[in-house]
C-alpha atoms as a PDB file:
ATOM      1  CA  MET A   1      -0.222  -0.112   0.191  1.00  0.00           C
ATOM      2  CA  ARG A   2       0.792   3.643  -0.135  1.00  0.00           C
ATOM      3  CA  ALA A   3       1.196   6.043   2.543  1.00  0.00           C
ATOM      4  CA  LEU A   4       1.941   9.787   3.023  1.00  0.00           C
ATOM      5  CA  LEU A   5       4.803   9.714   5.829  1.00  0.00           C
ATOM      6  CA  SER A   6       6.183  11.974   8.610  1.00  0.00           C
ATOM      7  CA  LEU A   7       9.632  10.503   8.819  1.00  0.00           C
ATOM      8  CA  GLN A   8      11.253  13.707  10.831  1.00  0.00           C
ATOM      9  CA  PRO A   9       9.274  16.663  12.700  1.00  0.00           C
ATOM     10  CA  GLY A  10       8.408  19.586  10.253  1.00  0.00           C
ATOM     11  CA  GLY A  11       5.606  21.179   8.054  1.00  0.00           C
ATOM     12  CA  PRO A  12       3.787  19.699   5.213  1.00  0.00           C
ATOM     13  CA  GLU A  13       6.408  19.763   3.287  1.00  0.00           C
ATOM     14  CA  THR A  14       8.581  17.112   4.554  1.00  0.00           C
ATOM     15  CA  LEU A  15       5.706  14.196   3.993  1.00  0.00           C
ATOM     16  CA  VAL A  16       6.810  11.604   1.367  1.00  0.00           C
ATOM     17  CA  LEU A  17       4.927   8.519  -0.158  1.00  0.00           C
ATOM     18  CA  ARG A  18       6.091   5.801   0.339  1.00  0.00           C
ATOM     19  CA  GLU A  19       5.002   2.106  -0.291  1.00  0.00           C
ATOM     20  CA  MET A  20       4.550   0.374   2.891  1.00  0.00           C
ATOM     21  CA  PRO A  21       3.547  -3.370   3.833  1.00  0.00           C
ATOM     22  CA  ASP A  22      -0.429  -3.968   4.314  1.00  0.00           C
ATOM     23  CA  PRO A  23      -1.209  -3.738   8.146  1.00  0.00           C
ATOM     24  CA  GLU A  24      -2.437  -6.528   9.628  1.00  0.00           C
ATOM     25  CA  PRO A  25      -5.598  -6.587  12.186  1.00  0.00           C
ATOM     26  CA  GLY A  26      -5.308  -7.456  15.864  1.00  0.00           C
ATOM     27  CA  PRO A  27      -8.212  -9.495  17.379  1.00  0.00           C
ATOM     28  CA  ASP A  28     -10.090  -6.184  18.534  1.00  0.00           C
ATOM     29  CA  GLU A  29      -9.036  -4.117  15.063  1.00  0.00           C
ATOM     30  CA  VAL A  30     -10.225  -3.832  11.537  1.00  0.00           C
ATOM     31  CA  ARG A  31      -8.387  -3.019   8.349  1.00  0.00           C
ATOM     32  CA  VAL A  32     -10.119  -0.760   6.358  1.00  0.00           C
ATOM     33  CA  ALA A  33      -9.034   0.210   2.487  1.00  0.00           C
ATOM     34  CA  VAL A  34      -9.036   3.936   2.908  1.00  0.00           C
ATOM     35  CA  ARG A  35     -11.083   5.930   0.208  1.00  0.00           C
ATOM     36  CA  ALA A  36     -10.978   9.363   1.887  1.00  0.00           C
ATOM     37  CA  CYS A  37      -9.603  10.633   4.814  1.00  0.00           C
ATOM     38  CA  GLY A  38     -10.366  14.515   6.465  1.00  0.00           C
ATOM     39  CA  VAL A  39      -7.998  17.108   7.079  1.00  0.00           C
ATOM     40  CA  ASN A  40      -7.873  18.908  10.196  1.00  0.00           C
ATOM     41  CA  PHE A  41      -5.978  21.155  12.070  1.00  0.00           C
ATOM     42  CA  PRO A  42      -4.046  18.697  14.277  1.00  0.00           C
ATOM     43  CA  ASP A  43      -2.698  16.828  11.260  1.00  0.00           C
ATOM     44  CA  PHE A  44      -0.532  20.123  11.172  1.00  0.00           C
ATOM     45  CA  LEU A  45       0.314  19.952  14.945  1.00  0.00           C
ATOM     46  CA  VAL A  46       1.297  16.360  15.134  1.00  0.00           C
ATOM     47  CA  ILE A  47       4.039  15.913  12.128  1.00  0.00           C
ATOM     48  CA  GLN A  48       5.324  18.947  13.774  1.00  0.00           C
ATOM     49  CA  ASP A  49       5.451  17.370  17.600  1.00  0.00           C
ATOM     50  CA  LYS A  50       3.008  19.932  18.570  1.00  0.00           C
ATOM     51  CA  TYR A  51       0.369  18.111  19.412  1.00  0.00           C
ATOM     52  CA  GLN A  52      -0.764  16.272  23.053  1.00  0.00           C
ATOM     53  CA  PHE A  53       0.264  12.841  21.699  1.00  0.00           C
ATOM     54  CA  ARG A  54       2.904  11.823  19.352  1.00  0.00           C
ATOM     55  CA  PRO A  55       2.840   9.097  16.704  1.00  0.00           C
ATOM     56  CA  GLU A  56       6.156   6.563  16.949  1.00  0.00           C
ATOM     57  CA  ARG A  57       8.022   7.319  13.274  1.00  0.00           C
ATOM     58  CA  PRO A  58       7.335   6.471  10.438  1.00  0.00           C
ATOM     59  CA  PHE A  59       3.577   7.500  10.697  1.00  0.00           C
ATOM     60  CA  ALA A  60       0.839   8.798   8.502  1.00  0.00           C
ATOM     61  CA  PRO A  61      -1.161  12.197   9.364  1.00  0.00           C
ATOM     62  CA  GLY A  62      -4.802  11.594   9.489  1.00  0.00           C
ATOM     63  CA  ALA A  63      -7.276  10.826  11.927  1.00  0.00           C
ATOM     64  CA  GLU A  64     -10.621  10.518  10.214  1.00  0.00           C
ATOM     65  CA  ILE A  65     -11.509   7.924   7.297  1.00  0.00           C
ATOM     66  CA  ALA A  66     -13.999   6.470   5.334  1.00  0.00           C
ATOM     67  CA  GLY A  67     -13.585   3.532   3.508  1.00  0.00           C
ATOM     68  CA  VAL A  68     -14.484  -0.159   3.029  1.00  0.00           C
ATOM     69  CA  ILE A  69     -13.357  -2.855   5.563  1.00  0.00           C
ATOM     70  CA  GLU A  70     -10.978  -5.607   4.110  1.00  0.00           C
ATOM     71  CA  ALA A  71     -10.438  -7.519   6.881  1.00  0.00           C
ATOM     72  CA  VAL A  72     -11.439  -8.632  10.576  1.00  0.00           C
ATOM     73  CA  GLY A  73      -9.336  -9.629  13.809  1.00  0.00           C
ATOM     74  CA  ARG A  74     -10.977 -12.425  15.266  1.00  0.00           C
ATOM     75  CA  ASP A  75     -12.662 -11.552  17.836  1.00  0.00           C
ATOM     76  CA  VAL A  76     -14.876  -8.925  15.844  1.00  0.00           C
ATOM     77  CA  THR A  77     -18.358  -9.967  15.440  1.00  0.00           C
ATOM     78  CA  ASN A  78     -20.278  -6.027  14.727  1.00  0.00           C
ATOM     79  CA  TYR A  79     -18.576  -5.998  11.660  1.00  0.00           C
ATOM     80  CA  LYS A  80     -17.852  -7.924   8.386  1.00  0.00           C
ATOM     81  CA  PRO A  81     -15.176  -7.355   4.764  1.00  0.00           C
ATOM     82  CA  GLY A  82     -17.319  -5.261   2.468  1.00  0.00           C
ATOM     83  CA  ASP A  83     -18.930  -2.826   5.179  1.00  0.00           C
ATOM     84  CA  ARG A  84     -18.798   0.640   4.220  1.00  0.00           C
ATOM     85  CA  VAL A  85     -17.439   2.394   7.838  1.00  0.00           C
ATOM     86  CA  ILE A  86     -16.592   5.635   8.887  1.00  0.00           C
ATOM     87  CA  GLY A  87     -13.146   5.184  11.766  1.00  0.00           C
ATOM     88  CA  SER A  88     -11.399   7.503  14.122  1.00  0.00           C
ATOM     89  CA  LEU A  89      -7.669   6.961  14.962  1.00  0.00           C
ATOM     90  CA  LEU A  90      -4.947   8.703  16.390  1.00  0.00           C
ATOM     91  CA  SER A  91      -3.060   8.848  13.045  1.00  0.00           C
ATOM     92  CA  GLY A  92      -2.657   7.009  10.114  1.00  0.00           C
ATOM     93  CA  GLY A  93      -5.559   8.126   7.787  1.00  0.00           C
ATOM     94  CA  MET A  94      -3.219   9.256   5.358  1.00  0.00           C
ATOM     95  CA  ALA A  95      -2.758   5.872   3.274  1.00  0.00           C
ATOM     96  CA  GLU A  96      -4.411   3.537   1.220  1.00  0.00           C
ATOM     97  CA  LYS A  97      -5.032   1.207   4.658  1.00  0.00           C
ATOM     98  CA  ALA A  98      -5.362   1.826   7.879  1.00  0.00           C
ATOM     99  CA  VAL A  99      -5.886  -0.990  10.930  1.00  0.00           C
ATOM    100  CA  LEU A 100      -8.396   0.793  13.813  1.00  0.00           C
ATOM    101  CA  PRO A 101     -10.164  -0.965  16.789  1.00  0.00           C
ATOM    102  CA  ALA A 102     -13.907  -2.524  15.788  1.00  0.00           C
ATOM    103  CA  ALA A 103     -14.870   0.072  18.861  1.00  0.00           C
ATOM    104  CA  LYS A 104     -13.487   3.217  16.653  1.00  0.00           C
ATOM    105  CA  CYS A 105     -15.427   2.701  13.830  1.00  0.00           C
ATOM    106  CA  LEU A 106     -18.894   3.650  12.480  1.00  0.00           C
ATOM    107  CA  ALA A 107     -21.331   2.144   9.822  1.00  0.00           C
ATOM    108  CA  MET A 108     -22.028   4.836   6.883  1.00  0.00           C
ATOM    109  CA  PRO A 109     -25.386   5.286   5.530  1.00  0.00           C
ATOM    110  CA  ASP A 110     -25.962   3.290   2.410  1.00  0.00           C
ATOM    111  CA  ALA A 111     -26.584   7.054   0.363  1.00  0.00           C
ATOM    112  CA  MET A 112     -23.077   8.927   2.266  1.00  0.00           C
ATOM    113  CA  PRO A 113     -20.536   9.093   0.079  1.00  0.00           C
ATOM    114  CA  PHE A 114     -16.992   8.453   1.354  1.00  0.00           C
ATOM    115  CA  ASP A 115     -15.810  12.435   0.885  1.00  0.00           C
ATOM    116  CA  GLU A 116     -18.892  13.795   3.315  1.00  0.00           C
ATOM    117  CA  ALA A 117     -17.764  10.318   4.999  1.00  0.00           C
ATOM    118  CA  ALA A 118     -14.335  11.561   6.101  1.00  0.00           C
ATOM    119  CA  ALA A 119     -15.463  14.951   6.705  1.00  0.00           C
ATOM    120  CA  PHE A 120     -18.123  14.140   9.271  1.00  0.00           C
ATOM    121  CA  ILE A 121     -17.046  12.994  12.697  1.00  0.00           C
ATOM    122  CA  LEU A 122     -14.596  15.037  13.901  1.00  0.00           C
ATOM    123  CA  THR A 123     -16.460  17.783  13.381  1.00  0.00           C
ATOM    124  CA  TYR A 124     -19.631  17.532  13.591  1.00  0.00           C
ATOM    125  CA  ALA A 125     -19.535  15.524  17.053  1.00  0.00           C
ATOM    126  CA  THR A 126     -17.238  18.365  18.540  1.00  0.00           C
ATOM    127  CA  SER A 127     -19.645  21.145  17.848  1.00  0.00           C
ATOM    128  CA  TYR A 128     -22.661  18.782  18.627  1.00  0.00           C
ATOM    129  CA  HIS A 129     -21.010  18.074  22.176  1.00  0.00           C
ATOM    130  CA  ALA A 130     -19.977  21.499  22.495  1.00  0.00           C
ATOM    131  CA  LEU A 131     -23.663  22.935  22.031  1.00  0.00           C
ATOM    132  CA  LYS A 132     -25.502  20.362  23.389  1.00  0.00           C
ATOM    133  CA  ASP A 133     -23.541  18.294  26.385  1.00  0.00           C
ATOM    134  CA  ARG A 134     -20.770  21.488  27.086  1.00  0.00           C
ATOM    135  CA  ALA A 135     -23.637  24.709  26.368  1.00  0.00           C
ATOM    136  CA  LYS A 136     -26.813  22.845  27.071  1.00  0.00           C
ATOM    137  CA  ILE A 137     -28.238  25.930  23.897  1.00  0.00           C
ATOM    138  CA  GLN A 138     -31.873  26.218  23.842  1.00  0.00           C
ATOM    139  CA  PRO A 139     -33.877  27.258  21.201  1.00  0.00           C
ATOM    140  CA  GLY A 140     -33.946  30.983  20.445  1.00  0.00           C
ATOM    141  CA  GLU A 141     -30.315  31.461  22.239  1.00  0.00           C
ATOM    142  CA  THR A 142     -28.109  33.402  19.869  1.00  0.00           C
ATOM    143  CA  LEU A 143     -24.799  31.218  19.059  1.00  0.00           C
ATOM    144  CA  LEU A 144     -22.044  33.316  17.967  1.00  0.00           C
ATOM    145  CA  VAL A 145     -19.588  31.019  15.785  1.00  0.00           C
ATOM    146  CA  LEU A 146     -16.107  32.465  15.185  1.00  0.00           C
ATOM    147  CA  GLY A 147     -14.224  31.171  12.057  1.00  0.00           C
ATOM    148  CA  ALA A 148     -17.781  30.086  10.616  1.00  0.00           C
ATOM    149  CA  ALA A 149     -16.498  28.928   7.330  1.00  0.00           C
ATOM    150  CA  GLY A 150     -13.797  26.175   8.635  1.00  0.00           C
ATOM    151  CA  GLY A 151     -14.839  22.734   9.451  1.00  0.00           C
ATOM    152  CA  VAL A 152     -15.648  22.851  12.937  1.00  0.00           C
ATOM    153  CA  GLY A 153     -17.098  26.328  12.604  1.00  0.00           C
ATOM    154  CA  LEU A 154     -19.653  25.979   9.642  1.00  0.00           C
ATOM    155  CA  SER A 155     -20.386  22.361  11.771  1.00  0.00           C
ATOM    156  CA  ALA A 156     -21.396  24.621  14.602  1.00  0.00           C
ATOM    157  CA  VAL A 157     -23.256  26.996  12.166  1.00  0.00           C
ATOM    158  CA  GLU A 158     -25.365  23.675  10.784  1.00  0.00           C
ATOM    159  CA  LEU A 159     -26.240  22.426  14.537  1.00  0.00           C
ATOM    160  CA  GLY A 160     -26.723  25.247  15.538  1.00  0.00           C
ATOM    161  CA  HIS A 161     -29.751  26.219  12.966  1.00  0.00           C
ATOM    162  CA  ALA A 162     -30.870  22.586  13.413  1.00  0.00           C
ATOM    163  CA  MET A 163     -31.416  22.998  17.429  1.00  0.00           C
ATOM    164  CA  GLY A 164     -33.095  26.431  16.702  1.00  0.00           C
ATOM    165  CA  ALA A 165     -30.541  28.967  17.734  1.00  0.00           C
ATOM    166  CA  ARG A 166     -30.143  32.376  16.172  1.00  0.00           C
ATOM    167  CA  VAL A 167     -27.120  32.312  14.728  1.00  0.00           C
ATOM    168  CA  VAL A 168     -24.172  34.606  13.982  1.00  0.00           C
ATOM    169  CA  ALA A 169     -21.420  33.697  11.840  1.00  0.00           C
ATOM    170  CA  ALA A 170     -17.928  35.578  12.138  1.00  0.00           C
ATOM    171  CA  ALA A 171     -15.570  35.164   9.526  1.00  0.00           C
ATOM    172  CA  SER A 172     -12.295  36.600   7.907  1.00  0.00           C
ATOM    173  CA  SER A 173     -14.071  37.751   4.478  1.00  0.00           C
ATOM    174  CA  GLU A 174     -17.634  37.925   3.148  1.00  0.00           C
ATOM    175  CA  ASP A 175     -17.017  34.828   1.334  1.00  0.00           C
ATOM    176  CA  LYS A 176     -16.892  33.136   4.324  1.00  0.00           C
ATOM    177  CA  VAL A 177     -19.865  34.667   5.748  1.00  0.00           C
ATOM    178  CA  ALA A 178     -21.587  34.261   3.065  1.00  0.00           C
ATOM    179  CA  LEU A 179     -20.757  30.408   2.825  1.00  0.00           C
ATOM    180  CA  ALA A 180     -22.280  30.587   6.948  1.00  0.00           C
ATOM    181  CA  LYS A 181     -25.184  31.977   5.894  1.00  0.00           C
ATOM    182  CA  ARG A 182     -25.939  29.375   3.203  1.00  0.00           C
ATOM    183  CA  HIS A 183     -25.529  26.877   6.058  1.00  0.00           C
ATOM    184  CA  GLY A 184     -27.727  28.504   8.199  1.00  0.00           C
ATOM    185  CA  ALA A 185     -26.479  31.374  10.024  1.00  0.00           C
ATOM    186  CA  ASP A 186     -28.967  34.472  10.543  1.00  0.00           C
ATOM    187  CA  LEU A 187     -26.170  36.943  10.294  1.00  0.00           C
ATOM    188  CA  GLY A 188     -22.777  37.645   9.677  1.00  0.00           C
ATOM    189  CA  LEU A 189     -19.402  39.705  10.636  1.00  0.00           C
ATOM    190  CA  VAL A 190     -16.254  40.138   8.716  1.00  0.00           C
ATOM    191  CA  TYR A 191     -13.495  40.504  11.117  1.00  0.00           C
ATOM    192  CA  PRO A 192     -10.331  41.780  10.606  1.00  0.00           C
ATOM    193  CA  PRO A 193      -6.801  39.926  10.329  1.00  0.00           C
ATOM    194  CA  GLY A 194      -5.035  40.078  13.928  1.00  0.00           C
ATOM    195  CA  PRO A 195      -2.888  40.921  15.964  1.00  0.00           C
ATOM    196  CA  PHE A 196      -4.977  43.809  17.529  1.00  0.00           C
ATOM    197  CA  THR A 197      -4.052  47.048  19.663  1.00  0.00           C
ATOM    198  CA  LYS A 198      -6.082  48.107  22.690  1.00  0.00           C
ATOM    199  CA  GLU A 199      -8.260  49.953  20.473  1.00  0.00           C
ATOM    200  CA  SER A 200      -8.833  47.552  17.657  1.00  0.00           C
ATOM    201  CA  SER A 201      -9.567  44.849  20.153  1.00  0.00           C
ATOM    202  CA  LYS A 202     -12.270  47.480  21.864  1.00  0.00           C
ATOM    203  CA  ALA A 203     -13.687  48.288  18.020  1.00  0.00           C
ATOM    204  CA  LEU A 204     -13.835  44.030  17.660  1.00  0.00           C
ATOM    205  CA  ALA A 205     -15.739  44.014  20.674  1.00  0.00           C
ATOM    206  CA  ASP A 206     -18.364  46.572  19.826  1.00  0.00           C
ATOM    207  CA  ALA A 207     -18.822  44.894  16.370  1.00  0.00           C
ATOM    208  CA  PHE A 208     -19.590  41.352  17.787  1.00  0.00           C
ATOM    209  CA  LYS A 209     -21.811  43.372  20.641  1.00  0.00           C
ATOM    210  CA  GLY A 210     -23.673  45.212  17.664  1.00  0.00           C
ATOM    211  CA  VAL A 211     -24.390  42.241  15.816  1.00  0.00           C
ATOM    212  CA  CYS A 212     -25.424  39.706  18.281  1.00  0.00           C
ATOM    213  CA  GLY A 213     -27.936  42.699  19.813  1.00  0.00           C
ATOM    214  CA  GLU A 214     -28.564  44.394  23.262  1.00  0.00           C
ATOM    215  CA  GLY A 215     -28.704  41.032  25.183  1.00  0.00           C
ATOM    216  CA  GLY A 216     -25.256  40.008  23.796  1.00  0.00           C
ATOM    217  CA  ALA A 217     -24.246  36.054  22.630  1.00  0.00           C
ATOM    218  CA  ASN A 218     -25.882  33.427  25.132  1.00  0.00           C
ATOM    219  CA  VAL A 219     -23.396  30.804  23.602  1.00  0.00           C
ATOM    220  CA  ILE A 220     -19.872  31.896  22.068  1.00  0.00           C
ATOM    221  CA  TYR A 221     -18.058  29.199  20.197  1.00  0.00           C
ATOM    222  CA  ASP A 222     -14.456  29.796  19.598  1.00  0.00           C
ATOM    223  CA  PRO A 223     -12.322  27.798  17.431  1.00  0.00           C
ATOM    224  CA  VAL A 224     -10.329  30.463  16.635  1.00  0.00           C
ATOM    225  CA  GLY A 225      -8.685  31.634  19.942  1.00  0.00           C
ATOM    226  CA  GLY A 226      -5.404  34.565  19.812  1.00  0.00           C
ATOM    227  CA  ASP A 227      -6.768  37.831  19.902  1.00  0.00           C
ATOM    228  CA  TYR A 228     -10.084  37.429  18.599  1.00  0.00           C
ATOM    229  CA  ALA A 229     -10.809  35.613  21.991  1.00  0.00           C
ATOM    230  CA  GLU A 230     -11.236  38.351  24.350  1.00  0.00           C
ATOM    231  CA  PRO A 231     -13.619  40.574  21.996  1.00  0.00           C
ATOM    232  CA  ALA A 232     -15.915  37.402  21.554  1.00  0.00           C
ATOM    233  CA  LEU A 233     -15.782  37.281  25.031  1.00  0.00           C
ATOM    234  CA  ARG A 234     -16.877  40.785  25.626  1.00  0.00           C
ATOM    235  CA  SER A 235     -19.809  40.101  23.842  1.00  0.00           C
ATOM    236  CA  VAL A 236     -21.215  37.126  26.177  1.00  0.00           C
ATOM    237  CA  ALA A 237     -24.875  37.483  27.440  1.00  0.00           C
ATOM    238  CA  TRP A 238     -25.292  37.522  31.269  1.00  0.00           C
ATOM    239  CA  GLU A 239     -25.159  33.865  32.233  1.00  0.00           C
ATOM    240  CA  GLY A 240     -23.535  33.132  29.092  1.00  0.00           C
ATOM    241  CA  ARG A 241     -21.298  30.243  27.945  1.00  0.00           C
ATOM    242  CA  TYR A 242     -17.986  30.854  25.945  1.00  0.00           C
ATOM    243  CA  LEU A 243     -16.784  27.395  24.094  1.00  0.00           C
ATOM    244  CA  VAL A 244     -12.738  27.084  23.943  1.00  0.00           C
ATOM    245  CA  VAL A 245     -12.681  24.999  20.926  1.00  0.00           C
ATOM    246  CA  GLY A 246      -9.341  25.619  19.454  1.00  0.00           C
ATOM    247  CA  PHE A 247      -6.606  27.819  19.173  1.00  0.00           C
ATOM    248  CA  PRO A 248      -5.040  28.344  15.051  1.00  0.00           C
ATOM    249  CA  ALA A 249      -4.148  31.805  15.970  1.00  0.00           C
ATOM    250  CA  GLY A 250      -2.579  31.116  19.219  1.00  0.00           C
ATOM    251  CA  ILE A 251      -3.731  30.911  22.918  1.00  0.00           C
ATOM    252  CA  PRO A 252      -5.498  33.626  24.028  1.00  0.00           C
ATOM    253  CA  ARG A 253      -4.641  35.460  27.692  1.00  0.00           C
ATOM    254  CA  MET A 254      -8.076  36.033  28.584  1.00  0.00           C
ATOM    255  CA  PRO A 255      -9.209  38.606  31.830  1.00  0.00           C
ATOM    256  CA  LEU A 256     -11.096  36.376  33.953  1.00  0.00           C
ATOM    257  CA  ASN A 257     -12.370  39.778  35.608  1.00  0.00           C
ATOM    258  CA  LEU A 258     -15.141  39.262  32.350  1.00  0.00           C
ATOM    259  CA  ALA A 259     -16.512  35.975  33.503  1.00  0.00           C
ATOM    260  CA  LEU A 260     -16.729  37.636  36.732  1.00  0.00           C
ATOM    261  CA  LEU A 261     -18.654  40.530  35.296  1.00  0.00           C
ATOM    262  CA  LYS A 262     -21.085  38.784  33.093  1.00  0.00           C
ATOM    263  CA  SER A 263     -21.623  35.831  35.453  1.00  0.00           C
ATOM    264  CA  CYS A 264     -20.676  33.663  32.388  1.00  0.00           C
ATOM    265  CA  GLN A 265     -19.072  30.529  31.947  1.00  0.00           C
ATOM    266  CA  ILE A 266     -15.507  29.368  29.941  1.00  0.00           C
ATOM    267  CA  VAL A 267     -16.002  25.801  28.871  1.00  0.00           C
ATOM    268  CA  GLY A 268     -13.478  23.500  27.465  1.00  0.00           C
ATOM    269  CA  VAL A 269     -14.245  21.518  24.700  1.00  0.00           C
ATOM    270  CA  PHE A 270     -12.451  18.386  23.821  1.00  0.00           C
ATOM    271  CA  TRP A 271     -14.520  15.944  22.370  1.00  0.00           C
ATOM    272  CA  GLY A 272     -11.384  13.258  21.876  1.00  0.00           C
ATOM    273  CA  GLY A 273     -11.765  12.645  26.049  1.00  0.00           C
ATOM    274  CA  PHE A 274     -15.405  13.143  26.148  1.00  0.00           C
ATOM    275  CA  ALA A 275     -15.660  10.242  23.897  1.00  0.00           C
ATOM    276  CA  ARG A 276     -13.019   8.089  26.175  1.00  0.00           C
ATOM    277  CA  HIS A 277     -14.618   8.839  29.256  1.00  0.00           C
ATOM    278  CA  ASN A 278     -18.462   8.791  28.247  1.00  0.00           C
ATOM    279  CA  PRO A 279     -18.385   6.170  25.032  1.00  0.00           C
ATOM    280  CA  ALA A 280     -21.993   5.808  25.584  1.00  0.00           C
ATOM    281  CA  GLY A 281     -22.840   9.055  25.228  1.00  0.00           C
ATOM    282  CA  ASP A 282     -20.345   9.585  22.738  1.00  0.00           C
ATOM    283  CA  ALA A 283     -21.879   6.938  21.003  1.00  0.00           C
ATOM    284  CA  GLN A 284     -25.578   8.520  21.308  1.00  0.00           C
ATOM    285  CA  ASN A 285     -24.776  11.890  19.875  1.00  0.00           C
ATOM    286  CA  ASN A 286     -23.349  10.248  16.814  1.00  0.00           C
ATOM    287  CA  HIS A 287     -26.539   8.080  16.425  1.00  0.00           C
ATOM    288  CA  GLU A 288     -28.351  11.830  16.863  1.00  0.00           C
ATOM    289  CA  LEU A 289     -26.025  13.241  14.205  1.00  0.00           C
ATOM    290  CA  LEU A 290     -26.414  10.511  11.927  1.00  0.00           C
ATOM    291  CA  ALA A 291     -30.269  10.952  12.248  1.00  0.00           C
ATOM    292  CA  LEU A 292     -29.871  14.845  11.531  1.00  0.00           C
ATOM    293  CA  TYR A 293     -27.776  14.238   8.072  1.00  0.00           C
ATOM    294  CA  THR A 294     -30.206  11.409   6.934  1.00  0.00           C
ATOM    295  CA  ALA A 295     -32.861  13.818   7.684  1.00  0.00           C
ATOM    296  CA  GLY A 296     -31.068  16.742   5.352  1.00  0.00           C
ATOM    297  CA  ARG A 297     -30.434  19.025   8.044  1.00  0.00           C
ATOM    298  CA  ILE A 298     -27.102  19.005   8.221  1.00  0.00           C
ATOM    299  CA  LYS A 299     -24.281  17.960   5.385  1.00  0.00           C
ATOM    300  CA  PRO A 300     -20.499  18.541   5.296  1.00  0.00           C
ATOM    301  CA  TYR A 301     -19.260  20.782   3.297  1.00  0.00           C
ATOM    302  CA  VAL A 302     -16.068  19.330   1.516  1.00  0.00           C
ATOM    303  CA  SER A 303     -14.587  22.244  -0.748  1.00  0.00           C
ATOM    304  CA  GLU A 304     -11.242  20.712  -2.160  1.00  0.00           C
ATOM    305  CA  ARG A 305     -10.217  17.283  -2.504  1.00  0.00           C
ATOM    306  CA  TYR A 306      -6.565  15.721  -2.934  1.00  0.00           C
ATOM    307  CA  PRO A 307      -4.826  12.961  -4.154  1.00  0.00           C
ATOM    308  CA  LEU A 308      -2.936  11.151  -1.454  1.00  0.00           C
ATOM    309  CA  GLU A 309       0.400  12.623  -3.110  1.00  0.00           C
ATOM    310  CA  ARG A 310      -1.001  15.752  -2.238  1.00  0.00           C
ATOM    311  CA  GLY A 311      -2.511  15.586   0.867  1.00  0.00           C
ATOM    312  CA  GLY A 312       0.515  17.931   2.457  1.00  0.00           C
ATOM    313  CA  GLU A 313      -0.513  20.501   0.235  1.00  0.00           C
ATOM    314  CA  ALA A 314      -4.158  20.223   1.684  1.00  0.00           C
ATOM    315  CA  ILE A 315      -2.772  20.294   5.205  1.00  0.00           C
ATOM    316  CA  ARG A 316      -0.538  23.592   4.217  1.00  0.00           C
ATOM    317  CA  LYS A 317      -4.053  25.374   3.119  1.00  0.00           C
ATOM    318  CA  LEU A 318      -5.851  24.259   6.234  1.00  0.00           C
ATOM    319  CA  ALA A 319      -3.011  25.475   8.268  1.00  0.00           C
ATOM    320  CA  ASP A 320      -2.695  28.737   6.481  1.00  0.00           C
ATOM    321  CA  ARG A 321      -6.761  29.681   7.043  1.00  0.00           C
ATOM    322  CA  GLY A 322      -7.033  29.116   3.327  1.00  0.00           C
ATOM    323  CA  ALA A 323      -9.462  26.537   3.322  1.00  0.00           C
ATOM    324  CA  GLN A 324     -13.590  26.765   3.381  1.00  0.00           C
ATOM    325  CA  GLY A 325     -15.404  23.534   4.915  1.00  0.00           C
ATOM    326  CA  LYS A 326     -13.780  20.919   4.748  1.00  0.00           C
ATOM    327  CA  LEU A 327     -10.557  19.452   2.496  1.00  0.00           C
ATOM    328  CA  VAL A 328     -10.179  16.001   2.135  1.00  0.00           C
ATOM    329  CA  VAL A 329      -7.683  13.849   1.048  1.00  0.00           C
ATOM    330  CA  THR A 330      -9.155  10.853  -1.585  1.00  0.00           C
ATOM    331  CA  MET A 331      -7.669   7.411  -2.558  1.00  0.00           C
ATOM    332  CA  GLY A 332      -9.908   6.144  -5.510  1.00  0.00           C
ATOM    333  CA  ASP A 333     -13.500   7.626  -5.980  1.00  0.00           C
ATOM    334  CA  PRO A 334     -14.551   9.529  -2.956  1.00  0.00           C
ATOM    335  CA  SER A 335     -18.175   8.868  -4.109  1.00  0.00           C
END
């Protein structure tokens, strides 16, 4: 099989395509012929040894795949060769074949294409866990989504709309805001590039407050961080919930007096940890997400597809914040 490998710490340009032996599944594992692999910001971090786990090299980046099971371990009873599945793994997705625990697989709906399946679980599961479990968002509440045209941001827009929230999409361009509106946002705001001075930070906070309305945002979904975090927090409503999702713009330093003044919650969102600590709750969330997909209420937006040999380009484009929706690396026909 072919695999796009990280042989040494570095950026996407250090990845190399190599022939590797087909991996063999262990007793509780399956081997999947990968048809598509979603691209996510942790892929950029893990190849530089900047993520919270460091796979043993050589390894292929890629944490979410869709494909067809071609072999199962002796103790696997719930899947068989030929089953179409979505898989979650720590690494190894940017390869023609991958081995993972059967417990980390999810049966694909019959009508779901592989590219959408590979763009589904990590983003939607993160956003659903954030909005449902961590924020406990209610119909009619105002949801402010930063980075609203990115993978997790766009999924939060769609899910917020499906859950009855009034969704405000914030992004770095008119095109990105327009995309978020097509996916369910009610209002939009274009924010400027950082870093910000004290005055420009205050101006952004005022802009967030203006678009969210007099009461502010009941829930703020922030997968961006950096200088955008404090202005967003300043727009939170009384007893609002600020969701900490990610930091591609940097880890912010937040003035905690704002949490006191607004009596708000600053809430961490770590879907991977939730899935490990509460597998039953995660399985229920996945069941509900697939029901929303089947009903046509959510649908991954795959903006670009890259062949395996160009997977590094996809990671670079995502890291440079040039992507809209999801980027997917494909191995064969993604449909």
